Protein backbone atom coordinates (compact mmCIF):
# COMPACT_ATOMS: atom_id res chain seq x y z
CA MET A 1 125.01 131.33 119.03
CA VAL A 2 127.21 128.80 117.28
CA LYS A 3 130.91 128.93 117.96
CA ARG A 4 133.12 128.01 115.02
CA ILE A 5 136.70 126.83 115.43
CA ALA A 6 139.82 127.13 113.32
CA THR A 7 139.49 123.83 111.43
CA ALA A 8 136.89 123.20 108.78
CA ALA A 9 134.89 121.24 111.35
CA ALA A 10 132.60 123.22 113.62
CA ILE A 11 132.19 122.92 117.37
CA GLY A 12 129.34 125.01 118.69
CA ALA A 13 127.89 126.37 121.87
CA TYR A 14 124.46 124.98 122.63
CA LEU A 15 121.02 126.52 122.77
CA SER A 16 119.07 125.60 125.90
CA MET A 17 115.55 124.39 125.40
CA GLY A 18 112.92 123.96 128.05
CA THR A 19 109.42 122.59 127.71
CA GLY A 20 107.96 125.77 126.21
CA PRO A 21 107.93 127.02 122.61
CA ALA A 22 110.59 126.21 120.06
CA PHE A 23 113.92 128.02 120.20
CA SER A 24 115.97 129.08 117.20
CA GLU A 25 119.26 130.75 116.42
CA GLY A 26 118.96 134.28 115.09
CA ASP A 27 115.23 134.37 115.89
CA THR A 28 115.32 138.04 116.92
CA ALA A 29 117.31 139.01 113.82
CA VAL A 30 114.81 137.27 111.54
CA ARG A 31 111.85 139.03 113.17
CA LEU A 32 113.54 142.44 112.89
CA ALA A 33 114.29 141.83 109.23
CA GLU A 34 110.68 140.85 108.56
CA ALA A 35 109.37 143.92 110.44
CA SER A 36 111.67 146.21 108.48
CA LYS A 37 110.53 144.68 105.21
CA SER A 38 106.89 145.18 106.19
CA ASP A 39 107.42 148.85 107.14
CA HIS A 40 108.87 149.72 103.75
CA SER A 41 106.95 147.37 101.46
CA HIS A 42 104.58 150.09 100.17
CA HIS A 43 107.36 152.46 99.10
CA ALA A 44 109.71 150.14 97.21
CA SER A 45 111.40 151.67 94.18
CA PRO A 46 113.05 149.63 91.38
CA ALA A 47 116.42 150.38 92.95
CA ALA A 48 115.13 149.15 96.27
CA ALA A 49 113.84 146.00 94.59
CA ASP A 50 117.28 145.36 93.10
CA GLY A 51 118.72 145.87 96.55
CA ALA A 52 116.24 143.36 97.96
CA HIS A 53 117.35 140.75 95.42
CA HIS A 54 120.95 141.41 96.37
CA HIS A 55 120.00 141.11 100.04
CA ASP A 56 118.31 137.76 99.39
CA ALA A 57 121.41 136.50 97.57
CA GLU A 58 123.59 137.56 100.45
CA ALA A 59 121.17 136.04 102.97
CA ALA A 60 121.43 132.69 101.18
CA LYS A 61 125.15 132.62 101.98
CA ARG A 62 124.69 133.19 105.71
CA PRO A 63 124.41 130.33 108.20
CA VAL A 64 121.08 128.54 108.22
CA GLN A 65 118.82 129.24 111.22
CA VAL A 66 117.33 126.18 112.90
CA GLU A 67 114.17 126.09 115.00
CA PHE A 68 113.69 122.99 117.13
CA ARG A 69 110.61 121.62 118.85
CA THR A 70 109.47 118.30 120.26
CA GLN A 71 106.20 116.43 120.42
CA PRO A 72 105.26 116.06 123.20
CA GLU A 73 106.73 119.30 124.56
CA THR A 74 107.37 117.74 127.99
CA LEU A 75 109.79 114.89 127.43
CA GLN A 76 109.43 111.65 129.37
CA ALA A 77 111.89 108.77 129.57
CA ASP A 78 110.89 105.60 127.68
CA THR A 79 108.41 107.56 125.53
CA ARG A 80 108.76 107.80 121.76
CA THR A 81 109.38 111.46 120.95
CA GLU A 82 109.16 113.38 117.69
CA LEU A 83 112.02 115.82 117.12
CA VAL A 84 111.21 118.48 114.52
CA PHE A 85 113.73 120.83 112.91
CA THR A 86 112.72 123.81 110.78
CA LEU A 87 115.53 125.23 108.63
CA LYS A 88 115.37 128.84 107.40
CA ASP A 89 117.77 131.17 105.66
CA ALA A 90 118.72 134.58 107.07
CA SER A 91 115.62 136.12 105.45
CA GLY A 92 113.31 133.66 107.15
CA HIS A 93 112.59 131.60 104.02
CA PRO A 94 112.56 127.78 104.24
CA VAL A 95 115.74 126.06 103.12
CA GLU A 96 114.38 123.90 100.33
CA GLU A 97 117.37 121.86 99.22
CA LEU A 98 119.77 119.97 101.47
CA VAL A 99 122.73 118.12 99.99
CA THR A 100 122.98 114.42 100.75
CA HIS A 101 126.26 113.85 102.59
CA HIS A 102 127.47 110.60 104.10
CA GLY A 103 124.36 108.85 102.88
CA ARG A 104 121.79 111.12 104.54
CA LYS A 105 120.42 114.66 104.12
CA LEU A 106 120.40 115.43 107.83
CA HIS A 107 122.15 113.76 110.77
CA VAL A 108 120.85 114.01 114.33
CA VAL A 109 123.20 113.09 117.19
CA ILE A 110 121.87 112.74 120.74
CA VAL A 111 124.12 112.40 123.82
CA SER A 112 123.11 112.14 127.47
CA GLU A 113 124.78 114.28 130.11
CA ASP A 114 126.13 111.14 131.83
CA MET A 115 127.77 110.19 128.50
CA ASN A 116 126.26 106.70 128.61
CA VAL A 117 123.63 107.17 125.87
CA LEU A 118 124.23 107.93 122.20
CA GLY A 119 121.68 108.31 119.42
CA HIS A 120 122.50 108.78 115.72
CA VAL A 121 119.38 108.99 113.56
CA HIS A 122 118.18 110.50 110.29
CA PRO A 123 114.79 111.36 108.72
CA GLN A 124 115.32 108.70 106.03
CA ASP A 125 115.59 106.03 108.76
CA PHE A 126 111.87 106.55 109.40
CA GLY A 127 110.78 106.95 105.78
CA GLU A 128 110.58 110.73 106.23
CA THR A 129 111.41 113.22 103.50
CA VAL A 130 113.14 116.54 104.10
CA GLU A 131 111.00 119.15 102.35
CA GLY A 132 110.16 122.82 102.74
CA GLY A 133 112.87 123.26 105.34
CA LEU A 134 111.18 120.70 107.61
CA ALA A 135 112.91 117.58 108.94
CA ARG A 136 111.74 115.17 111.61
CA VAL A 137 113.10 112.13 113.42
CA PHE A 138 111.92 109.96 116.29
CA PHE A 139 113.81 108.92 119.41
CA THR A 140 113.07 107.22 122.73
CA PHE A 141 115.14 108.74 125.52
CA PRO A 142 115.95 105.73 127.71
CA ARG A 143 116.41 107.64 130.97
CA SER A 144 115.83 111.03 132.56
CA GLY A 145 118.31 113.90 132.55
CA ARG A 146 119.79 116.47 130.19
CA TYR A 147 120.62 115.57 126.60
CA LEU A 148 122.46 117.36 123.85
CA VAL A 149 120.67 117.22 120.49
CA GLY A 150 123.00 118.09 117.64
CA VAL A 151 121.97 118.40 114.00
CA ASP A 152 124.38 118.30 111.05
CA PHE A 153 123.37 119.18 107.47
CA MET A 154 124.76 120.63 104.24
CA THR A 155 123.63 123.16 101.65
CA GLU A 156 125.27 124.12 98.37
CA ALA A 157 125.71 127.74 99.47
CA GLN A 158 127.03 127.32 103.02
CA GLY A 159 128.57 123.85 103.03
CA SER A 160 128.19 121.71 106.16
CA GLN A 161 126.85 123.16 109.40
CA ASP A 162 126.24 121.99 112.98
CA LYS A 163 123.55 123.31 115.35
CA GLN A 164 123.06 122.22 118.96
CA PHE A 165 120.27 122.23 121.53
CA VAL A 166 119.84 120.87 125.06
CA VAL A 167 116.65 119.22 126.32
CA GLU A 168 115.48 118.01 129.73
CA VAL A 169 113.87 114.58 130.00
CA GLU A 170 111.68 113.76 132.98
CA GLY A 171 111.40 110.40 134.70
CA ALA A 172 112.92 108.33 137.46
CA PRO A 173 116.60 109.23 137.98
CA VAL A 174 119.21 106.70 136.90
CA ASP A 175 122.62 106.76 138.53
CA ALA A 176 125.24 104.88 136.56
CA GLY A 177 127.92 105.87 139.07
CA PRO A 178 130.55 108.60 138.72
CA GLU A 179 133.12 106.15 137.40
CA ALA A 180 131.01 104.83 134.51
CA LYS A 181 131.61 107.66 132.02
CA ALA A 182 135.28 107.87 132.94
CA LEU A 183 135.89 104.43 131.39
CA PRO A 184 136.09 103.46 127.73
CA GLY A 185 132.73 102.03 126.65
CA LEU A 186 131.55 99.77 123.84
CA MET A 187 128.26 98.52 122.42
CA THR A 188 127.54 96.34 119.39
CA ALA A 189 124.20 96.26 117.58
CA LYS A 190 122.77 94.83 114.36
CA LEU A 191 122.26 97.29 111.51
CA ALA A 192 119.29 97.28 109.14
CA GLU A 193 119.93 96.63 105.45
CA ASP A 194 120.05 100.37 104.75
CA ASP A 195 122.56 100.87 107.60
CA SER A 196 119.96 102.51 109.83
CA TYR A 197 119.90 102.00 113.59
CA THR A 198 117.31 104.04 115.45
CA GLU A 199 117.62 102.72 119.01
CA PRO A 200 119.70 104.49 121.69
CA ALA A 201 123.16 103.00 122.16
CA LEU A 202 123.74 102.29 125.86
CA LEU A 203 127.47 102.35 126.47
CA GLN A 204 128.95 99.95 129.03
CA ALA A 205 132.54 99.66 130.18
CA MET A 206 134.61 97.44 127.90
CA ASP A 207 135.49 94.04 129.33
CA GLU A 208 137.48 91.01 128.21
CA GLY A 209 134.31 88.99 127.70
CA GLN A 210 133.27 91.04 124.66
CA ALA A 211 134.13 89.58 121.26
CA PHE A 212 134.83 92.99 119.75
CA ALA A 213 137.31 95.44 121.23
CA VAL A 214 138.35 98.97 120.33
CA SER A 215 141.48 100.78 121.49
CA LEU A 216 142.45 104.42 120.99
CA GLN A 217 145.92 105.86 120.48
CA GLN A 218 146.14 109.57 121.25
CA PRO A 219 148.86 112.21 121.63
CA ASP A 220 150.55 112.43 125.04
CA THR A 221 149.35 116.03 125.34
CA ILE A 222 146.30 117.53 123.65
CA ARG A 223 146.04 121.32 123.62
CA ALA A 224 143.05 123.47 122.78
CA GLY A 225 143.29 125.12 119.38
CA GLU A 226 145.79 122.55 118.05
CA GLU A 227 144.84 119.66 115.79
CA ALA A 228 145.15 116.25 117.44
CA THR A 229 145.17 112.95 115.53
CA PHE A 230 143.57 109.86 117.05
CA THR A 231 144.03 106.29 115.83
CA TYR A 232 141.33 103.69 116.47
CA ARG A 233 142.24 99.99 116.36
CA PHE A 234 139.55 97.31 116.06
CA THR A 235 139.87 93.64 117.01
CA LYS A 236 137.62 90.60 117.35
CA ASP A 237 138.50 87.73 119.63
CA GLY A 238 141.95 89.27 119.96
CA GLU A 239 142.62 89.32 116.21
CA PRO A 240 142.88 92.51 114.11
CA LEU A 241 139.78 93.32 112.08
CA THR A 242 140.87 93.82 108.47
CA ASP A 243 137.41 93.67 106.91
CA LEU A 244 135.71 96.71 108.38
CA ARG A 245 133.47 98.49 105.87
CA HIS A 246 132.11 101.96 105.29
CA TYR A 247 129.24 103.03 107.53
CA LEU A 248 127.11 105.76 105.93
CA GLU A 249 129.85 106.39 103.35
CA ALA A 250 132.63 106.93 105.89
CA PRO A 251 135.15 104.60 107.55
CA LEU A 252 134.14 106.08 110.91
CA HIS A 253 131.56 108.53 112.27
CA LEU A 254 132.76 110.52 115.26
CA ALA A 255 130.76 112.68 117.68
CA VAL A 256 132.80 114.87 120.05
CA VAL A 257 130.97 116.23 123.11
CA LYS A 258 132.25 118.34 126.03
CA ASP A 259 131.34 116.96 129.44
CA ASP A 260 129.07 119.93 130.24
CA LEU A 261 127.30 119.67 126.84
CA THR A 262 128.55 123.09 125.72
CA ALA A 263 130.46 121.88 122.65
CA PHE A 264 129.64 119.38 119.90
CA LEU A 265 131.22 118.16 116.67
CA HIS A 266 130.12 115.52 114.18
CA THR A 267 133.07 114.52 112.04
CA HIS A 268 134.46 111.44 110.28
CA GLY A 269 137.54 109.24 110.14
CA THR A 270 139.86 108.33 107.29
CA LEU A 271 142.17 105.46 106.50
CA PRO A 272 145.83 105.92 107.53
CA ALA A 273 147.08 105.10 104.03
CA ASP A 274 145.01 107.94 102.55
CA GLY A 275 147.31 110.57 103.99
CA ARG A 276 144.39 112.96 104.28
CA MET A 277 141.93 113.97 106.97
CA ASP A 278 138.23 114.53 106.39
CA HIS A 279 137.73 117.14 109.16
CA GLY A 280 134.08 116.17 109.13
CA GLY A 281 133.58 117.32 105.56
CA HIS A 282 132.79 120.87 106.68
CA GLY A 283 133.70 122.30 103.34
CA SER A 284 132.05 122.62 99.95
CA ALA A 285 129.36 120.28 98.74
CA GLY A 286 131.48 119.34 95.74
CA ALA A 287 134.38 118.28 97.92
CA MET A 288 132.03 116.19 100.01
CA HIS A 289 130.69 114.36 96.96
CA ALA A 290 134.24 113.72 95.78
CA ASP A 291 135.25 112.22 99.13
CA ALA A 292 132.13 110.09 99.70
CA HIS A 293 132.97 106.39 100.04
CA ALA A 294 136.51 106.87 98.73
CA GLY A 295 139.07 104.10 99.22
CA PRO A 296 138.81 100.29 99.39
CA ASP A 297 135.56 98.50 100.20
CA THR A 298 137.10 96.81 103.26
CA PHE A 299 139.90 98.00 105.51
CA GLY A 300 141.28 97.89 109.02
CA PRO A 301 142.24 97.41 111.70
CA GLU A 302 143.11 101.12 112.08
CA ILE A 303 141.15 104.28 111.31
CA GLU A 304 142.33 107.84 111.99
CA ALA A 305 140.45 110.98 112.95
CA ALA A 306 141.64 114.57 113.46
CA VAL A 307 139.99 116.95 115.93
CA THR A 308 140.74 120.51 117.06
CA PHE A 309 139.20 121.27 120.44
CA PRO A 310 138.10 124.87 121.05
CA GLU A 311 138.96 125.11 124.76
CA PRO A 312 140.45 123.10 127.63
CA GLY A 313 138.34 120.55 129.46
CA THR A 314 137.10 116.98 129.33
CA TYR A 315 135.57 115.69 126.11
CA TYR A 316 134.13 112.36 125.03
CA LEU A 317 134.71 110.74 121.64
CA PHE A 318 131.82 108.59 120.41
CA ALA A 319 132.92 106.59 117.37
CA GLN A 320 130.82 104.34 115.14
CA ALA A 321 132.20 101.84 112.62
CA ALA A 322 130.71 98.85 110.79
CA HIS A 323 131.81 95.22 110.55
CA GLY A 324 129.42 93.22 108.41
CA ASP A 325 125.97 93.91 109.84
CA GLN A 326 127.37 94.95 113.22
CA LEU A 327 127.56 98.58 114.33
CA LEU A 328 130.44 99.14 116.78
CA THR A 329 129.88 102.17 119.02
CA SER A 330 132.70 103.18 121.36
CA ARG A 331 133.27 105.96 123.92
CA PHE A 332 136.57 107.37 125.15
CA PRO A 333 137.17 110.28 127.57
CA ILE A 334 139.77 112.85 126.47
CA HIS A 335 141.49 115.56 128.54
CA VAL A 336 142.39 118.77 126.72
CA GLU A 337 144.82 121.31 128.18
């Protein structure tokens, strides 16, 4: 079950996944629909056929169902893993066409339970096509434990959607210490020419020895169900960065994850001078195309993002921005009342 919130962006409850067969949202509903269709297929009248066409049209407007499996089924740390997503409409038919948004047809965000590992990958990063409702990526989980796997995609009929799963990774336990995820973290990495980066980002506490630094301005009080605006500020060697650039057609990519992995959001930042918030682009496909890569080619040092949290608790904001060929990945803990 996916839980939608009041803003156009979607934060969802997760689907647990063990090492057995693939899990999907609405799996029982799809099977019942198929069984019903089979029972009545030999007695279909023209009126019934018209009704079936109407049903298919209505089904196309419902949220896409996502089945998720891994190869191998039992996940091991430090082992390259294939993550496979099968997208179907409410009638069980493959979703053939995904809309390219923010430079990719499908975004996969991976976050460890200790909040020290972030992955952000796409089928195109591996030369994979998204066809017949099938999308696949590859990822090496760097350590054991539970991980949230979130997928974000867009169709013309439904707009942008998020789905979430949780996986268990086996291997030697790694204890980063209870204080590690409570601190702001930062990692820099070199991007490929097509802006892909397929390795896990390992977040470490920010220190004065790092050339790049990121700070976050937030409201004094953040309440569930109310929009909160955050302002990121980027510096290098103590000087404001005024030549940040778009990363995957957005000033900033932002993943929001609850500390127990029960809520996830993939959204985007905007420039303060724009006077508008993206809300993750969870609207129509046309609006997304209109907003893609809007604004100046370079900007900074500040980028804004708006988030509405569905319930009280502790959340983590994972932000990614680009400076030249450097990908800046930051982590900040947020308390929501």
